[in-house]
Amino acid sequence: MTTSIASPAATPTAVVPGPAAVIDTGRVAGLIHQLLVELGENPAREGLTGTPDRVAAWWKAFLSPDDAAAATCFTESQLGGQLVIVGGMSVWSLCEHHMLPMNLQVAAGYVPDGEVVGLSKFGRISQHFAGRLQVQERFTRQVSEYLEGVIGHEDVAVAVRGVHLCMSMRGVRMEEARTTTLRSGGRFRTDPVLSQQFLTLTTGLWGAP
């Protein structure tokens, strides 16, 4: 298992938006058709008929995730000293080095201060940043920075556990390999008890490999 731990170096910066280019599905389908030919296949044979169009449609859908900007917060003035962890989020992304899938299990924790974040938004934020060519380390930072902006302070921790097909089905082909990344900010960086609580509960959610 590979583990990477990072902490914010400065005040959260503006999150870089996802791909904004309009995808020409007709041209993408043509390129997939050409790829099949170069791989020695016949795009007109049974089973491959319509494949270029289906692949092009998938690329357009994958690279056009829902906007994550609509995060909703609810006022809860009586909260204090609570740790909130949202886990069990599983998203698919694509490794930008080999363009192979990676499955990312996401757990996010924060300390509420007068308001709470709508729970479904954590999943939408994760899906938003997964829907592009990615690396797990950047994904972890982007989700963390976005949550810091929504919550309004740095008391945020994000842990991600990834299965990378670029390592499982090619190269060393280690199917059980897992990569873990962690980004801690604010009290999660300075309070060892809070940090340990987050890590203990997060690894409990993930369970065995």
C-alpha atoms as a PDB file:
ATOM      1  CA  MET A   1       0.000   0.000   0.000  1.00  0.00           C
ATOM      2  CA  THR A   2       1.260   3.459  -0.882  1.00  0.00           C
ATOM      3  CA  THR A   3       0.452   6.247   1.569  1.00  0.00           C
ATOM      4  CA  SER A   4       0.792   9.976   1.030  1.00  0.00           C
ATOM      5  CA  ILE A   5       0.092  12.588   3.704  1.00  0.00           C
ATOM      6  CA  ALA A   6      -0.145  16.303   3.036  1.00  0.00           C
ATOM      7  CA  SER A   7      -1.170  19.403   4.923  1.00  0.00           C
ATOM      8  CA  PRO A   8      -2.357  22.738   3.549  1.00  0.00           C
ATOM      9  CA  ALA A   9       0.502  25.175   3.178  1.00  0.00           C
ATOM     10  CA  ALA A  10      -1.630  28.293   2.967  1.00  0.00           C
ATOM     11  CA  THR A  11      -5.140  29.682   2.912  1.00  0.00           C
ATOM     12  CA  PRO A  12      -7.370  27.711   0.490  1.00  0.00           C
ATOM     13  CA  THR A  13      -7.119  28.978  -3.044  1.00  0.00           C
ATOM     14  CA  ALA A  14      -9.763  29.074  -5.720  1.00  0.00           C
ATOM     15  CA  VAL A  15     -10.546  25.632  -7.052  1.00  0.00           C
ATOM     16  CA  VAL A  16      -9.590  25.064 -10.670  1.00  0.00           C
ATOM     17  CA  PRO A  17     -12.719  24.173 -12.661  1.00  0.00           C
ATOM     18  CA  GLY A  18     -12.979  20.974 -14.622  1.00  0.00           C
ATOM     19  CA  PRO A  19     -12.701  20.571 -18.402  1.00  0.00           C
ATOM     20  CA  ALA A  20     -14.594  23.346 -20.137  1.00  0.00           C
ATOM     21  CA  ALA A  21     -14.021  22.385 -23.783  1.00  0.00           C
ATOM     22  CA  VAL A  22     -17.023  21.323 -25.827  1.00  0.00           C
ATOM     23  CA  ILE A  23     -16.497  17.694 -26.820  1.00  0.00           C
ATOM     24  CA  ASP A  24     -17.123  16.895 -30.468  1.00  0.00           C
ATOM     25  CA  THR A  25     -18.555  13.398 -30.118  1.00  0.00           C
ATOM     26  CA  GLY A  26     -18.585  12.894 -33.881  1.00  0.00           C
ATOM     27  CA  ARG A  27     -14.860  13.527 -34.112  1.00  0.00           C
ATOM     28  CA  VAL A  28     -14.161  11.397 -31.044  1.00  0.00           C
ATOM     29  CA  ALA A  29     -16.156   8.544 -32.600  1.00  0.00           C
ATOM     30  CA  GLY A  30     -14.086   8.910 -35.760  1.00  0.00           C
ATOM     31  CA  LEU A  31     -10.862   8.677 -33.753  1.00  0.00           C
ATOM     32  CA  ILE A  32     -12.100   5.559 -31.933  1.00  0.00           C
ATOM     33  CA  HIS A  33     -12.992   4.045 -35.321  1.00  0.00           C
ATOM     34  CA  GLN A  34      -9.454   4.776 -36.493  1.00  0.00           C
ATOM     35  CA  LEU A  35      -7.990   3.312 -33.300  1.00  0.00           C
ATOM     36  CA  LEU A  36      -9.880   0.058 -33.809  1.00  0.00           C
ATOM     37  CA  VAL A  37      -8.518  -0.183 -37.338  1.00  0.00           C
ATOM     38  CA  GLU A  38      -4.959   0.440 -36.121  1.00  0.00           C
ATOM     39  CA  LEU A  39      -5.424  -2.293 -33.518  1.00  0.00           C
ATOM     40  CA  GLY A  40      -6.262  -4.765 -36.267  1.00  0.00           C
ATOM     41  CA  GLU A  41     -10.015  -4.779 -35.693  1.00  0.00           C
ATOM     42  CA  ASN A  42     -12.878  -4.308 -38.128  1.00  0.00           C
ATOM     43  CA  PRO A  43     -15.209  -1.602 -36.758  1.00  0.00           C
ATOM     44  CA  ALA A  44     -17.954  -2.879 -39.065  1.00  0.00           C
ATOM     45  CA  ARG A  45     -18.003  -6.410 -37.667  1.00  0.00           C
ATOM     46  CA  GLU A  46     -20.735  -7.735 -35.404  1.00  0.00           C
ATOM     47  CA  GLY A  47     -20.097  -6.606 -31.865  1.00  0.00           C
ATOM     48  CA  LEU A  48     -18.175  -3.473 -32.826  1.00  0.00           C
ATOM     49  CA  THR A  49     -20.947  -1.832 -34.832  1.00  0.00           C
ATOM     50  CA  GLY A  50     -21.795   1.359 -32.956  1.00  0.00           C
ATOM     51  CA  THR A  51     -18.882   1.003 -30.546  1.00  0.00           C
ATOM     52  CA  PRO A  52     -17.161   4.260 -31.601  1.00  0.00           C
ATOM     53  CA  ASP A  53     -20.380   6.199 -30.984  1.00  0.00           C
ATOM     54  CA  ARG A  54     -20.918   4.557 -27.601  1.00  0.00           C
ATOM     55  CA  VAL A  55     -17.346   5.283 -26.510  1.00  0.00           C
ATOM     56  CA  ALA A  56     -17.622   8.902 -27.641  1.00  0.00           C
ATOM     57  CA  ALA A  57     -20.892   9.323 -25.735  1.00  0.00           C
ATOM     58  CA  TRP A  58     -19.263   7.885 -22.611  1.00  0.00           C
ATOM     59  CA  TRP A  59     -16.308  10.271 -22.835  1.00  0.00           C
ATOM     60  CA  LYS A  60     -18.653  13.234 -23.134  1.00  0.00           C
ATOM     61  CA  ALA A  61     -20.709  12.093 -20.129  1.00  0.00           C
ATOM     62  CA  PHE A  62     -17.647  11.315 -18.020  1.00  0.00           C
ATOM     63  CA  LEU A  63     -15.941  14.627 -18.713  1.00  0.00           C
ATOM     64  CA  SER A  64     -19.139  16.586 -18.022  1.00  0.00           C
ATOM     65  CA  PRO A  65     -19.852  15.884 -14.321  1.00  0.00           C
ATOM     66  CA  ASP A  66     -22.487  17.798 -12.415  1.00  0.00           C
ATOM     67  CA  ASP A  67     -21.376  21.145 -11.026  1.00  0.00           C
ATOM     68  CA  ALA A  68     -20.246  20.888  -7.399  1.00  0.00           C
ATOM     69  CA  ALA A  69     -20.898  24.570  -6.675  1.00  0.00           C
ATOM     70  CA  ALA A  70     -24.372  24.085  -5.190  1.00  0.00           C
ATOM     71  CA  ALA A  71     -23.184  22.954  -1.752  1.00  0.00           C
ATOM     72  CA  THR A  72     -25.855  23.789   0.838  1.00  0.00           C
ATOM     73  CA  CYS A  73     -25.166  24.662   4.474  1.00  0.00           C
ATOM     74  CA  PHE A  74     -27.730  24.590   7.272  1.00  0.00           C
ATOM     75  CA  THR A  75     -27.565  26.703  10.409  1.00  0.00           C
ATOM     76  CA  GLU A  76     -27.063  24.687  13.623  1.00  0.00           C
ATOM     77  CA  SER A  77     -26.041  27.185  16.270  1.00  0.00           C
ATOM     78  CA  GLN A  78     -25.961  24.659  19.146  1.00  0.00           C
ATOM     79  CA  LEU A  79     -23.225  22.500  17.651  1.00  0.00           C
ATOM     80  CA  GLY A  80     -19.850  22.385  19.281  1.00  0.00           C
ATOM     81  CA  GLY A  81     -16.985  19.958  19.546  1.00  0.00           C
ATOM     82  CA  GLN A  82     -18.456  17.430  17.127  1.00  0.00           C
ATOM     83  CA  LEU A  83     -16.559  15.493  14.510  1.00  0.00           C
ATOM     84  CA  VAL A  84     -18.544  14.774  11.363  1.00  0.00           C
ATOM     85  CA  ILE A  85     -17.248  12.126   8.955  1.00  0.00           C
ATOM     86  CA  VAL A  86     -18.909  11.241   5.663  1.00  0.00           C
ATOM     87  CA  GLY A  87     -17.579   7.970   4.254  1.00  0.00           C
ATOM     88  CA  GLY A  88     -18.625   5.172   1.953  1.00  0.00           C
ATOM     89  CA  MET A  89     -18.251   7.389  -1.111  1.00  0.00           C
ATOM     90  CA  SER A  90     -16.870   5.509  -4.122  1.00  0.00           C
ATOM     91  CA  VAL A  91     -16.120   7.320  -7.361  1.00  0.00           C
ATOM     92  CA  TRP A  92     -14.420   6.385 -10.621  1.00  0.00           C
ATOM     93  CA  SER A  93     -11.786   8.520 -12.251  1.00  0.00           C
ATOM     94  CA  LEU A  94      -9.154   8.070 -14.963  1.00  0.00           C
ATOM     95  CA  CYS A  95      -5.419   8.039 -14.378  1.00  0.00           C
ATOM     96  CA  GLU A  96      -3.983  10.738 -16.632  1.00  0.00           C
ATOM     97  CA  HIS A  97      -0.729   8.823 -17.091  1.00  0.00           C
ATOM     98  CA  HIS A  98      -2.241   5.726 -18.733  1.00  0.00           C
ATOM     99  CA  MET A  99      -5.912   6.702 -19.155  1.00  0.00           C
ATOM    100  CA  LEU A 100      -6.980   3.642 -17.171  1.00  0.00           C
ATOM    101  CA  PRO A 101      -9.684   3.678 -14.484  1.00  0.00           C
ATOM    102  CA  MET A 102      -9.057   4.169 -10.798  1.00  0.00           C
ATOM    103  CA  ASN A 103     -11.640   3.593  -8.097  1.00  0.00           C
ATOM    104  CA  LEU A 104     -11.401   6.093  -5.256  1.00  0.00           C
ATOM    105  CA  GLN A 105     -13.005   5.531  -1.858  1.00  0.00           C
ATOM    106  CA  VAL A 106     -13.448   8.907  -0.188  1.00  0.00           C
ATOM    107  CA  ALA A 107     -13.937   9.867   3.462  1.00  0.00           C
ATOM    108  CA  ALA A 108     -14.218  13.497   4.514  1.00  0.00           C
ATOM    109  CA  GLY A 109     -14.311  14.885   8.030  1.00  0.00           C
ATOM    110  CA  TYR A 110     -14.877  18.349   9.427  1.00  0.00           C
ATOM    111  CA  VAL A 111     -15.681  20.168  12.644  1.00  0.00           C
ATOM    112  CA  PRO A 112     -18.932  22.175  12.308  1.00  0.00           C
ATOM    113  CA  ASP A 113     -18.956  25.748  13.545  1.00  0.00           C
ATOM    114  CA  GLY A 114     -22.502  27.066  13.599  1.00  0.00           C
ATOM    115  CA  GLU A 115     -23.668  25.255  10.484  1.00  0.00           C
ATOM    116  CA  VAL A 116     -23.538  21.864   8.790  1.00  0.00           C
ATOM    117  CA  VAL A 117     -23.048  20.894   5.156  1.00  0.00           C
ATOM    118  CA  GLY A 118     -25.786  18.951   3.346  1.00  0.00           C
ATOM    119  CA  LEU A 119     -24.572  15.347   3.326  1.00  0.00           C
ATOM    120  CA  SER A 120     -25.323  14.613  -0.329  1.00  0.00           C
ATOM    121  CA  LYS A 121     -22.985  17.423  -1.328  1.00  0.00           C
ATOM    122  CA  PHE A 122     -19.940  15.453  -0.228  1.00  0.00           C
ATOM    123  CA  GLY A 123     -20.711  12.828  -2.846  1.00  0.00           C
ATOM    124  CA  ARG A 124     -21.395  15.416  -5.535  1.00  0.00           C
ATOM    125  CA  ILE A 125     -18.127  17.201  -4.802  1.00  0.00           C
ATOM    126  CA  SER A 126     -16.248  13.906  -5.059  1.00  0.00           C
ATOM    127  CA  GLN A 127     -17.946  13.005  -8.340  1.00  0.00           C
ATOM    128  CA  HIS A 128     -17.224  16.453  -9.739  1.00  0.00           C
ATOM    129  CA  PHE A 129     -13.466  16.233  -9.242  1.00  0.00           C
ATOM    130  CA  ALA A 130     -13.336  12.585 -10.301  1.00  0.00           C
ATOM    131  CA  GLY A 131     -14.880  13.312 -13.692  1.00  0.00           C
ATOM    132  CA  ARG A 132     -11.660  14.181 -15.478  1.00  0.00           C
ATOM    133  CA  LEU A 133      -8.167  12.887 -16.160  1.00  0.00           C
ATOM    134  CA  GLN A 134      -6.700  12.832 -12.654  1.00  0.00           C
ATOM    135  CA  VAL A 135      -4.069  11.737 -10.189  1.00  0.00           C
ATOM    136  CA  GLN A 136      -5.206  10.679  -6.730  1.00  0.00           C
ATOM    137  CA  GLU A 137      -2.992  13.172  -4.941  1.00  0.00           C
ATOM    138  CA  ARG A 138      -4.495  16.130  -6.807  1.00  0.00           C
ATOM    139  CA  PHE A 139      -8.015  14.780  -6.379  1.00  0.00           C
ATOM    140  CA  THR A 140      -7.516  14.626  -2.600  1.00  0.00           C
ATOM    141  CA  ARG A 141      -6.280  18.219  -2.497  1.00  0.00           C
ATOM    142  CA  GLN A 142      -9.097  19.517  -4.711  1.00  0.00           C
ATOM    143  CA  VAL A 143     -11.843  17.913  -2.630  1.00  0.00           C
ATOM    144  CA  SER A 144     -10.245  19.209   0.577  1.00  0.00           C
ATOM    145  CA  GLU A 145      -9.805  22.760  -0.715  1.00  0.00           C
ATOM    146  CA  TYR A 146     -13.355  22.872  -2.023  1.00  0.00           C
ATOM    147  CA  LEU A 147     -14.747  21.741   1.327  1.00  0.00           C
ATOM    148  CA  GLU A 148     -12.643  24.342   3.125  1.00  0.00           C
ATOM    149  CA  GLY A 149     -14.225  26.991   0.923  1.00  0.00           C
ATOM    150  CA  VAL A 150     -17.742  25.697   1.573  1.00  0.00           C
ATOM    151  CA  ILE A 151     -17.290  25.351   5.325  1.00  0.00           C
ATOM    152  CA  GLY A 152     -15.365  28.592   5.697  1.00  0.00           C
ATOM    153  CA  HIS A 153     -12.427  27.292   7.718  1.00  0.00           C
ATOM    154  CA  GLU A 154      -9.592  24.770   7.475  1.00  0.00           C
ATOM    155  CA  ASP A 155     -10.849  22.204   9.982  1.00  0.00           C
ATOM    156  CA  VAL A 156     -11.185  19.633   7.209  1.00  0.00           C
ATOM    157  CA  ALA A 157      -9.586  16.250   6.591  1.00  0.00           C
ATOM    158  CA  VAL A 158      -9.948  14.142   3.452  1.00  0.00           C
ATOM    159  CA  ALA A 159      -8.707  10.580   3.094  1.00  0.00           C
ATOM    160  CA  VAL A 160      -8.798   8.690  -0.185  1.00  0.00           C
ATOM    161  CA  ARG A 161      -8.059   5.023  -0.819  1.00  0.00           C
ATOM    162  CA  GLY A 162      -7.508   4.133  -4.448  1.00  0.00           C
ATOM    163  CA  VAL A 163      -7.353   1.043  -6.623  1.00  0.00           C
ATOM    164  CA  HIS A 164      -5.477   1.893  -9.810  1.00  0.00           C
ATOM    165  CA  LEU A 165      -5.875  -0.348 -12.833  1.00  0.00           C
ATOM    166  CA  CYS A 166      -2.652   1.105 -14.206  1.00  0.00           C
ATOM    167  CA  MET A 167      -0.990  -0.841 -11.379  1.00  0.00           C
ATOM    168  CA  SER A 168      -3.407  -3.774 -11.147  1.00  0.00           C
ATOM    169  CA  MET A 169      -3.735  -4.777 -14.806  1.00  0.00           C
ATOM    170  CA  ARG A 170      -0.476  -3.504 -16.286  1.00  0.00           C
ATOM    171  CA  GLY A 171       3.093  -3.040 -15.120  1.00  0.00           C
ATOM    172  CA  VAL A 172       3.640  -5.030 -11.918  1.00  0.00           C
ATOM    173  CA  ARG A 173       0.002  -6.273 -12.012  1.00  0.00           C
ATOM    174  CA  MET A 174      -0.509  -6.233  -8.255  1.00  0.00           C
ATOM    175  CA  GLU A 175      -4.254  -6.585  -7.817  1.00  0.00           C
ATOM    176  CA  GLU A 176      -4.217  -6.057  -4.055  1.00  0.00           C
ATOM    177  CA  ALA A 177      -2.224  -2.812  -4.174  1.00  0.00           C
ATOM    178  CA  ARG A 178      -3.936   0.193  -2.594  1.00  0.00           C
ATOM    179  CA  THR A 179      -2.853   3.826  -2.491  1.00  0.00           C
ATOM    180  CA  THR A 180      -3.920   6.018   0.429  1.00  0.00           C
ATOM    181  CA  THR A 181      -3.737   9.806   0.465  1.00  0.00           C
ATOM    182  CA  LEU A 182      -4.579  12.084   3.373  1.00  0.00           C
ATOM    183  CA  ARG A 183      -4.838  15.854   3.551  1.00  0.00           C
ATOM    184  CA  SER A 184      -5.383  17.424   6.967  1.00  0.00           C
ATOM    185  CA  GLY A 185      -5.979  21.078   7.760  1.00  0.00           C
ATOM    186  CA  GLY A 186      -6.678  23.278  10.759  1.00  0.00           C
ATOM    187  CA  ARG A 187      -7.365  21.344  13.942  1.00  0.00           C
ATOM    188  CA  PHE A 188      -6.870  18.018  12.162  1.00  0.00           C
ATOM    189  CA  ARG A 189      -3.256  19.057  11.679  1.00  0.00           C
ATOM    190  CA  THR A 190      -2.650  20.452  15.179  1.00  0.00           C
ATOM    191  CA  ASP A 191      -4.840  18.259  17.407  1.00  0.00           C
ATOM    192  CA  PRO A 192      -3.443  14.702  17.571  1.00  0.00           C
ATOM    193  CA  VAL A 193      -6.571  13.369  19.301  1.00  0.00           C
ATOM    194  CA  LEU A 194      -8.897  14.714  16.610  1.00  0.00           C
ATOM    195  CA  SER A 195      -6.567  13.452  13.897  1.00  0.00           C
ATOM    196  CA  GLN A 196      -6.438   9.970  15.427  1.00  0.00           C
ATOM    197  CA  GLN A 197     -10.222   9.856  15.766  1.00  0.00           C
ATOM    198  CA  PHE A 198     -10.588  10.661  12.084  1.00  0.00           C
ATOM    199  CA  LEU A 199      -8.031   8.058  11.016  1.00  0.00           C
ATOM    200  CA  THR A 200      -9.489   5.360  13.280  1.00  0.00           C
ATOM    201  CA  LEU A 201     -13.049   5.888  12.074  1.00  0.00           C
ATOM    202  CA  THR A 202     -11.964   6.195   8.440  1.00  0.00           C
ATOM    203  CA  THR A 203      -9.928   2.994   8.390  1.00  0.00           C
ATOM    204  CA  GLY A 204     -12.833   1.285  10.130  1.00  0.00           C
ATOM    205  CA  LEU A 205     -15.124   2.315   7.279  1.00  0.00           C
ATOM    206  CA  TRP A 206     -12.692   0.895   4.722  1.00  0.00           C
ATOM    207  CA  GLY A 207     -12.187  -2.383   6.547  1.00  0.00           C
ATOM    208  CA  ALA A 208      -9.868  -5.023   5.132  1.00  0.00           C
ATOM    209  CA  PRO A 209      -8.410  -4.760   1.603  1.00  0.00           C
END
